[in-house]
Amino acid sequence: MKKIFSFLITFALIFSFAGCADNKAKFYEANAVADALNANLEFGEDLEKSTADIAYSIYGIDSALCTDAAFYSGSGATADEIAVFNCVDENAVSSVAEAVESRLDYLHEGYSSYGPQEIPKIESAAVITEGNTVILCICNNAENVKAVADSVAD
């Protein structure tokens, strides 16, 4: 009986310590991230901020999949774009990530004949999925997107 009791105490202690680990995922607030990306990265033109509804429409995303979104785009002369989606759960993240990939395919196809100089930028676009957030940024220095996003994450 003593062995069983000792085992149970040890078992309980192990799991109580496991619960103390810092597994907190970063939280990316859509507007804060999009604003920081727009302010700190290099784009071929000035981008204009639009509403979440515009983002959902352009990406073909059901707004019920997200708690919030932020979107910046240019005039169309360049492929430059920022989209940040806070999703309701992991299933929504998967659907939104697919929509982002479809958007990149659409842009690639359109700019292939319209503005082929934009193709390398589209091909090197940053697509980041972290927790329940999906971020797309098409810019001149996409290698810096994660660092900028992390700088404003909670």
C-alpha atoms as a PDB file:
ATOM      1  CA  MET A   1       0.000   0.000   0.000  1.00  0.00           C
ATOM      2  CA  LYS A   2       2.886   2.356   0.779  1.00  0.00           C
ATOM      3  CA  LYS A   3       4.335   1.794  -2.716  1.00  0.00           C
ATOM      4  CA  ILE A   4       1.044   2.634  -4.383  1.00  0.00           C
ATOM      5  CA  PHE A   5       0.649   5.779  -2.293  1.00  0.00           C
ATOM      6  CA  SER A   6       4.244   6.846  -3.073  1.00  0.00           C
ATOM      7  CA  PHE A   7       3.673   6.198  -6.750  1.00  0.00           C
ATOM      8  CA  LEU A   8       0.490   8.291  -6.765  1.00  0.00           C
ATOM      9  CA  ILE A   9       2.195  11.189  -4.956  1.00  0.00           C
ATOM     10  CA  THR A  10       5.136  11.083  -7.383  1.00  0.00           C
ATOM     11  CA  PHE A  11       2.778  10.886 -10.349  1.00  0.00           C
ATOM     12  CA  ALA A  12       0.784  13.892  -9.095  1.00  0.00           C
ATOM     13  CA  LEU A  13       3.939  15.945  -8.533  1.00  0.00           C
ATOM     14  CA  ILE A  14       5.246  15.235 -12.014  1.00  0.00           C
ATOM     15  CA  PHE A  15       2.025  16.400 -13.640  1.00  0.00           C
ATOM     16  CA  SER A  16       1.723  19.448 -11.429  1.00  0.00           C
ATOM     17  CA  PHE A  17       5.215  20.576 -12.482  1.00  0.00           C
ATOM     18  CA  ALA A  18       4.422  19.878 -16.134  1.00  0.00           C
ATOM     19  CA  GLY A  19       1.536  22.311 -15.860  1.00  0.00           C
ATOM     20  CA  CYS A  20       3.952  25.061 -14.806  1.00  0.00           C
ATOM     21  CA  ALA A  21       5.830  25.098 -18.097  1.00  0.00           C
ATOM     22  CA  ASP A  22       5.546  28.311 -20.102  1.00  0.00           C
ATOM     23  CA  ASN A  23       3.636  27.058 -23.126  1.00  0.00           C
ATOM     24  CA  LYS A  24       1.925  30.373 -23.753  1.00  0.00           C
ATOM     25  CA  ALA A  25       1.493  30.899 -27.467  1.00  0.00           C
ATOM     26  CA  LYS A  26       2.087  34.340 -28.886  1.00  0.00           C
ATOM     27  CA  PHE A  27      -0.992  36.398 -29.599  1.00  0.00           C
ATOM     28  CA  TYR A  28      -0.910  38.552 -32.687  1.00  0.00           C
ATOM     29  CA  GLU A  29      -3.524  41.314 -32.675  1.00  0.00           C
ATOM     30  CA  ALA A  30      -4.441  41.694 -36.352  1.00  0.00           C
ATOM     31  CA  ASN A  31      -4.424  45.488 -36.600  1.00  0.00           C
ATOM     32  CA  ALA A  32      -1.272  45.954 -34.507  1.00  0.00           C
ATOM     33  CA  VAL A  33       0.651  43.436 -36.627  1.00  0.00           C
ATOM     34  CA  ALA A  34      -0.595  44.829 -39.940  1.00  0.00           C
ATOM     35  CA  ASP A  35       0.196  48.404 -38.854  1.00  0.00           C
ATOM     36  CA  ALA A  36       3.712  47.396 -37.736  1.00  0.00           C
ATOM     37  CA  LEU A  37       4.385  45.541 -40.985  1.00  0.00           C
ATOM     38  CA  ASN A  38       3.223  48.524 -43.017  1.00  0.00           C
ATOM     39  CA  ALA A  39       5.382  50.920 -40.987  1.00  0.00           C
ATOM     40  CA  ASN A  40       8.560  48.826 -40.824  1.00  0.00           C
ATOM     41  CA  LEU A  41       8.900  46.963 -44.115  1.00  0.00           C
ATOM     42  CA  GLU A  42       9.742  48.037 -47.661  1.00  0.00           C
ATOM     43  CA  PHE A  43       6.957  48.224 -50.234  1.00  0.00           C
ATOM     44  CA  GLY A  44       7.013  49.373 -53.838  1.00  0.00           C
ATOM     45  CA  GLU A  45       4.178  51.812 -53.162  1.00  0.00           C
ATOM     46  CA  ASP A  46       2.191  53.242 -50.273  1.00  0.00           C
ATOM     47  CA  LEU A  47      -0.412  50.794 -49.023  1.00  0.00           C
ATOM     48  CA  GLU A  48      -3.910  51.707 -47.927  1.00  0.00           C
ATOM     49  CA  LYS A  49      -5.646  50.099 -44.968  1.00  0.00           C
ATOM     50  CA  SER A  50      -9.039  48.502 -45.577  1.00  0.00           C
ATOM     51  CA  THR A  51     -11.655  46.941 -43.309  1.00  0.00           C
ATOM     52  CA  ALA A  52     -11.793  43.328 -42.190  1.00  0.00           C
ATOM     53  CA  ASP A  53     -14.848  42.829 -44.407  1.00  0.00           C
ATOM     54  CA  ILE A  54     -12.800  43.808 -47.468  1.00  0.00           C
ATOM     55  CA  ALA A  55     -10.153  41.255 -46.472  1.00  0.00           C
ATOM     56  CA  TYR A  56     -12.748  38.501 -46.064  1.00  0.00           C
ATOM     57  CA  SER A  57     -14.234  39.368 -49.445  1.00  0.00           C
ATOM     58  CA  ILE A  58     -10.934  39.517 -51.344  1.00  0.00           C
ATOM     59  CA  TYR A  59      -9.709  36.255 -49.831  1.00  0.00           C
ATOM     60  CA  GLY A  60     -13.086  34.506 -50.055  1.00  0.00           C
ATOM     61  CA  ILE A  61     -13.105  33.798 -46.321  1.00  0.00           C
ATOM     62  CA  ASP A  62     -16.269  33.309 -44.283  1.00  0.00           C
ATOM     63  CA  SER A  63     -16.069  35.939 -41.536  1.00  0.00           C
ATOM     64  CA  ALA A  64     -17.364  33.332 -39.050  1.00  0.00           C
ATOM     65  CA  LEU A  65     -13.917  31.671 -39.296  1.00  0.00           C
ATOM     66  CA  CYS A  66     -12.198  34.729 -37.819  1.00  0.00           C
ATOM     67  CA  THR A  67     -12.417  36.941 -34.781  1.00  0.00           C
ATOM     68  CA  ASP A  68     -10.626  39.780 -36.572  1.00  0.00           C
ATOM     69  CA  ALA A  69      -8.656  40.663 -39.680  1.00  0.00           C
ATOM     70  CA  ALA A  70      -6.540  43.517 -41.004  1.00  0.00           C
ATOM     71  CA  PHE A  71      -5.701  44.259 -44.616  1.00  0.00           C
ATOM     72  CA  TYR A  72      -3.456  46.665 -46.513  1.00  0.00           C
ATOM     73  CA  SER A  73      -3.118  46.806 -50.285  1.00  0.00           C
ATOM     74  CA  GLY A  74      -1.735  49.073 -52.949  1.00  0.00           C
ATOM     75  CA  SER A  75      -3.149  50.441 -56.169  1.00  0.00           C
ATOM     76  CA  GLY A  76      -2.519  47.236 -58.080  1.00  0.00           C
ATOM     77  CA  ALA A  77       0.605  48.606 -59.744  1.00  0.00           C
ATOM     78  CA  THR A  78       2.516  46.285 -57.389  1.00  0.00           C
ATOM     79  CA  ALA A  79       1.557  43.023 -55.727  1.00  0.00           C
ATOM     80  CA  ASP A  80       2.338  44.483 -52.287  1.00  0.00           C
ATOM     81  CA  GLU A  81      -0.175  43.354 -49.696  1.00  0.00           C
ATOM     82  CA  ILE A  82      -0.587  42.657 -45.986  1.00  0.00           C
ATOM     83  CA  ALA A  83      -3.290  40.416 -44.558  1.00  0.00           C
ATOM     84  CA  VAL A  84      -3.561  39.257 -40.951  1.00  0.00           C
ATOM     85  CA  PHE A  85      -6.337  36.921 -39.836  1.00  0.00           C
ATOM     86  CA  ASN A  86      -7.116  35.894 -36.251  1.00  0.00           C
ATOM     87  CA  CYS A  87      -8.976  32.605 -36.577  1.00  0.00           C
ATOM     88  CA  VAL A  88     -11.495  31.056 -34.177  1.00  0.00           C
ATOM     89  CA  ASP A  89      -9.742  27.660 -33.994  1.00  0.00           C
ATOM     90  CA  GLU A  90      -7.273  25.290 -35.693  1.00  0.00           C
ATOM     91  CA  ASN A  91      -9.799  24.180 -38.319  1.00  0.00           C
ATOM     92  CA  ALA A  92     -10.367  27.801 -39.272  1.00  0.00           C
ATOM     93  CA  VAL A  93      -6.594  28.341 -39.490  1.00  0.00           C
ATOM     94  CA  SER A  94      -6.411  25.543 -42.051  1.00  0.00           C
ATOM     95  CA  SER A  95      -9.208  27.054 -44.159  1.00  0.00           C
ATOM     96  CA  VAL A  96      -7.749  30.560 -43.974  1.00  0.00           C
ATOM     97  CA  ALA A  97      -4.248  29.307 -44.845  1.00  0.00           C
ATOM     98  CA  GLU A  98      -5.718  27.621 -47.938  1.00  0.00           C
ATOM     99  CA  ALA A  99      -7.425  30.885 -48.901  1.00  0.00           C
ATOM    100  CA  VAL A 100      -4.102  32.723 -48.524  1.00  0.00           C
ATOM    101  CA  GLU A 101      -2.374  30.194 -50.799  1.00  0.00           C
ATOM    102  CA  SER A 102      -5.204  30.594 -53.335  1.00  0.00           C
ATOM    103  CA  ARG A 103      -4.736  34.360 -53.201  1.00  0.00           C
ATOM    104  CA  LEU A 104      -1.020  33.967 -53.898  1.00  0.00           C
ATOM    105  CA  ASP A 105      -1.816  31.698 -56.869  1.00  0.00           C
ATOM    106  CA  TYR A 106      -4.298  34.279 -58.158  1.00  0.00           C
ATOM    107  CA  LEU A 107      -1.764  37.098 -57.832  1.00  0.00           C
ATOM    108  CA  HIS A 108       0.951  35.004 -59.478  1.00  0.00           C
ATOM    109  CA  GLU A 109      -1.273  34.250 -62.435  1.00  0.00           C
ATOM    110  CA  GLY A 110      -2.411  37.859 -62.812  1.00  0.00           C
ATOM    111  CA  TYR A 111       1.011  39.451 -62.512  1.00  0.00           C
ATOM    112  CA  SER A 112       2.640  36.885 -64.828  1.00  0.00           C
ATOM    113  CA  SER A 113       1.415  38.878 -67.797  1.00  0.00           C
ATOM    114  CA  TYR A 114       0.487  42.223 -66.200  1.00  0.00           C
ATOM    115  CA  GLY A 115       3.617  42.866 -64.125  1.00  0.00           C
ATOM    116  CA  PRO A 116       6.148  40.045 -64.365  1.00  0.00           C
ATOM    117  CA  GLN A 117       8.650  42.065 -62.309  1.00  0.00           C
ATOM    118  CA  GLU A 118       6.360  41.388 -59.289  1.00  0.00           C
ATOM    119  CA  ILE A 119       6.582  37.581 -59.582  1.00  0.00           C
ATOM    120  CA  PRO A 120       9.753  37.168 -57.463  1.00  0.00           C
ATOM    121  CA  LYS A 121       8.105  39.200 -54.692  1.00  0.00           C
ATOM    122  CA  ILE A 122       4.977  37.030 -54.822  1.00  0.00           C
ATOM    123  CA  GLU A 123       7.061  33.854 -54.812  1.00  0.00           C
ATOM    124  CA  SER A 124       9.022  35.013 -51.752  1.00  0.00           C
ATOM    125  CA  ALA A 125       5.975  36.302 -49.858  1.00  0.00           C
ATOM    126  CA  ALA A 126       5.945  35.571 -46.140  1.00  0.00           C
ATOM    127  CA  VAL A 127       3.118  33.297 -45.035  1.00  0.00           C
ATOM    128  CA  ILE A 128       3.220  32.746 -41.287  1.00  0.00           C
ATOM    129  CA  THR A 129       0.872  30.580 -39.266  1.00  0.00           C
ATOM    130  CA  GLU A 130       1.333  30.950 -35.525  1.00  0.00           C
ATOM    131  CA  GLY A 131      -1.288  29.749 -33.075  1.00  0.00           C
ATOM    132  CA  ASN A 132      -4.633  30.880 -34.473  1.00  0.00           C
ATOM    133  CA  THR A 133      -3.147  33.651 -36.623  1.00  0.00           C
ATOM    134  CA  VAL A 134      -2.367  33.594 -40.341  1.00  0.00           C
ATOM    135  CA  ILE A 135      -0.197  36.386 -41.744  1.00  0.00           C
ATOM    136  CA  LEU A 136       0.558  37.139 -45.388  1.00  0.00           C
ATOM    137  CA  CYS A 137       2.957  39.871 -46.383  1.00  0.00           C
ATOM    138  CA  ILE A 138       4.123  40.584 -49.920  1.00  0.00           C
ATOM    139  CA  CYS A 139       6.931  43.132 -49.734  1.00  0.00           C
ATOM    140  CA  ASN A 140      10.532  43.797 -50.772  1.00  0.00           C
ATOM    141  CA  ASN A 141      12.037  42.369 -47.569  1.00  0.00           C
ATOM    142  CA  ALA A 142       9.782  39.444 -46.605  1.00  0.00           C
ATOM    143  CA  GLU A 143      12.593  37.874 -44.567  1.00  0.00           C
ATOM    144  CA  ASN A 144      11.874  40.480 -41.860  1.00  0.00           C
ATOM    145  CA  VAL A 145       8.129  39.834 -41.526  1.00  0.00           C
ATOM    146  CA  LYS A 146       8.337  37.363 -38.619  1.00  0.00           C
ATOM    147  CA  ALA A 147      10.613  39.623 -36.572  1.00  0.00           C
ATOM    148  CA  VAL A 148       8.341  42.628 -37.075  1.00  0.00           C
ATOM    149  CA  ALA A 149       5.213  40.596 -36.225  1.00  0.00           C
ATOM    150  CA  ASP A 150       6.884  39.153 -33.119  1.00  0.00           C
ATOM    151  CA  SER A 151       7.866  42.640 -31.978  1.00  0.00           C
ATOM    152  CA  VAL A 152       4.209  43.533 -31.392  1.00  0.00           C
ATOM    153  CA  ALA A 153       2.966  40.119 -30.224  1.00  0.00           C
ATOM    154  CA  ASP A 154       1.707  39.601 -26.693  1.00  0.00           C
END
